[in-house]
Protein backbone atom coordinates (compact mmCIF):
# COMPACT_ATOMS: atom_id res chain seq x y z
CA MET A 1 10.58 -3.44 27.36
CA LYS A 2 8.08 -5.47 25.34
CA ARG A 3 8.67 -7.87 22.45
CA GLU A 4 6.02 -7.90 19.75
CA ALA A 5 5.56 -9.90 16.57
CA PHE A 6 3.01 -9.69 13.78
CA LYS A 7 2.53 -10.83 10.22
CA MET A 8 1.61 -8.94 7.07
CA TYR A 9 1.01 -10.00 3.49
CA LEU A 10 3.15 -9.11 0.48
CA LYS A 11 1.65 -9.21 -3.01
CA ALA A 12 3.31 -11.75 -5.30
CA GLY A 13 6.08 -10.40 -7.49
CA PHE A 14 6.95 -7.45 -5.26
CA GLU A 15 9.62 -9.02 -3.05
CA ALA A 16 12.53 -7.01 -4.49
CA GLU A 17 10.53 -3.78 -4.48
CA TYR A 18 9.50 -4.27 -0.85
CA GLU A 19 13.12 -4.79 0.14
CA ARG A 20 14.27 -1.81 -1.95
CA ARG A 21 11.74 0.51 -0.33
CA HIS A 22 12.66 -0.60 3.17
CA ASN A 23 16.38 -0.28 2.48
CA ALA A 24 15.60 3.36 1.69
CA LEU A 25 13.23 3.86 4.65
CA TRP A 26 12.44 7.54 4.97
CA PRO A 27 14.50 9.27 7.70
CA GLU A 28 11.32 10.77 9.19
CA VAL A 29 9.88 7.29 9.72
CA LYS A 30 13.12 6.02 11.29
CA GLU A 31 13.22 9.03 13.60
CA LEU A 32 9.58 8.65 14.61
CA LEU A 33 9.95 4.95 15.42
CA SER A 34 13.01 5.66 17.53
CA LYS A 35 11.32 8.60 19.27
CA LYS A 36 8.31 6.41 20.08
CA GLY A 37 10.52 3.68 21.60
CA VAL A 38 10.47 1.13 18.75
CA PHE A 39 13.83 -0.61 18.30
CA ASP A 40 15.40 -3.88 17.24
CA TYR A 41 12.79 -4.01 14.47
CA SER A 42 13.16 -6.74 11.86
CA ILE A 43 10.93 -7.96 9.04
CA TYR A 44 11.39 -11.39 7.49
CA TRP A 45 9.88 -12.70 4.25
CA ASP A 46 8.53 -16.24 3.90
CA LYS A 47 9.18 -17.03 0.25
CA GLU A 48 6.66 -19.90 0.14
CA THR A 49 3.66 -17.91 1.43
CA ASN A 50 4.60 -14.24 0.80
CA ILE A 51 3.94 -13.62 4.47
CA LEU A 52 6.06 -10.98 6.15
CA PHE A 53 6.96 -11.74 9.76
CA ALA A 54 7.83 -8.67 11.83
CA PHE A 55 9.47 -8.52 15.24
CA GLN A 56 10.19 -5.44 17.33
CA LYS A 57 11.04 -4.40 20.82
CA THR A 58 9.30 -1.41 22.34
CA GLU A 59 9.70 0.81 25.33
CA GLY A 60 6.72 2.83 26.38
CA SER A 61 3.13 2.28 25.44
CA GLU A 62 3.25 2.35 21.62
CA SER A 63 4.44 -0.05 18.96
CA SER A 64 4.82 0.69 15.27
CA GLN A 65 1.26 -0.59 14.86
CA ASP A 66 -0.08 2.22 17.08
CA LEU A 67 1.23 5.15 15.02
CA GLY A 68 -1.36 5.17 12.25
CA LYS A 69 -2.90 8.50 13.18
CA LEU A 70 0.34 10.31 12.33
CA ALA A 71 0.64 11.90 8.87
CA ILE A 72 4.07 10.47 8.03
CA ILE A 73 2.89 6.93 8.80
CA GLN A 74 -0.24 7.42 6.67
CA LYS A 75 1.99 8.67 3.85
CA TRP A 76 4.23 5.57 4.23
CA TRP A 77 1.16 3.32 4.12
CA ASP A 78 -0.01 5.02 0.93
CA TYR A 79 3.46 4.51 -0.55
CA MET A 80 3.43 0.78 0.31
CA ALA A 81 -0.24 0.04 -0.54
CA ASP A 82 0.44 -1.06 -4.10
CA ILE A 83 2.66 -3.95 -3.03
CA MET A 84 0.98 -5.19 0.17
CA GLU A 85 -2.41 -6.43 1.24
CA VAL A 86 -3.98 -3.43 2.96
CA ASN A 87 -7.08 -2.26 4.82
CA PRO A 88 -9.38 0.44 3.37
CA ASP A 89 -7.22 3.17 5.00
CA ASN A 90 -4.09 1.66 3.32
CA SER A 91 -2.72 0.37 6.62
CA PRO A 92 -1.13 -3.03 6.09
CA ILE A 93 -3.29 -5.97 7.05
CA SER A 94 -1.46 -6.98 10.19
CA VAL A 95 -2.11 -9.93 12.49
CA PRO A 96 -0.55 -9.86 15.99
CA LEU A 97 1.21 -13.07 16.96
CA LYS A 98 1.16 -14.48 20.47
CA GLU A 99 4.53 -15.28 21.98
CA VAL A 100 4.53 -18.88 23.16
CA PHE A 101 8.23 -19.27 23.98
CA HIS A 102 11.22 -17.03 24.69
CA LEU A 103 14.80 -17.83 25.67
CA ASP A 104 17.28 -15.14 26.68
């Protein structure tokens, strides 16, 4: 099992919409993440900076950030592109974070 964290950037004024969309996460995306070994996945919003902090545990070789070649993930990215800072392919701009401390 691996623990991974990364940050993304939410556009100002879209906090409620981001939360609404994730509360209605498409079943196909949930199923894919689970099938690929992504679990205990949380996203936190920093109100002062509009930075989203994501944390997930993974089993296997892929994280949620490795699934971009799949059609359902590309469709999700397209759906979210209007409210997040994104790359040219509509993937969220995502910065991996190095773990510097962990306590079980």
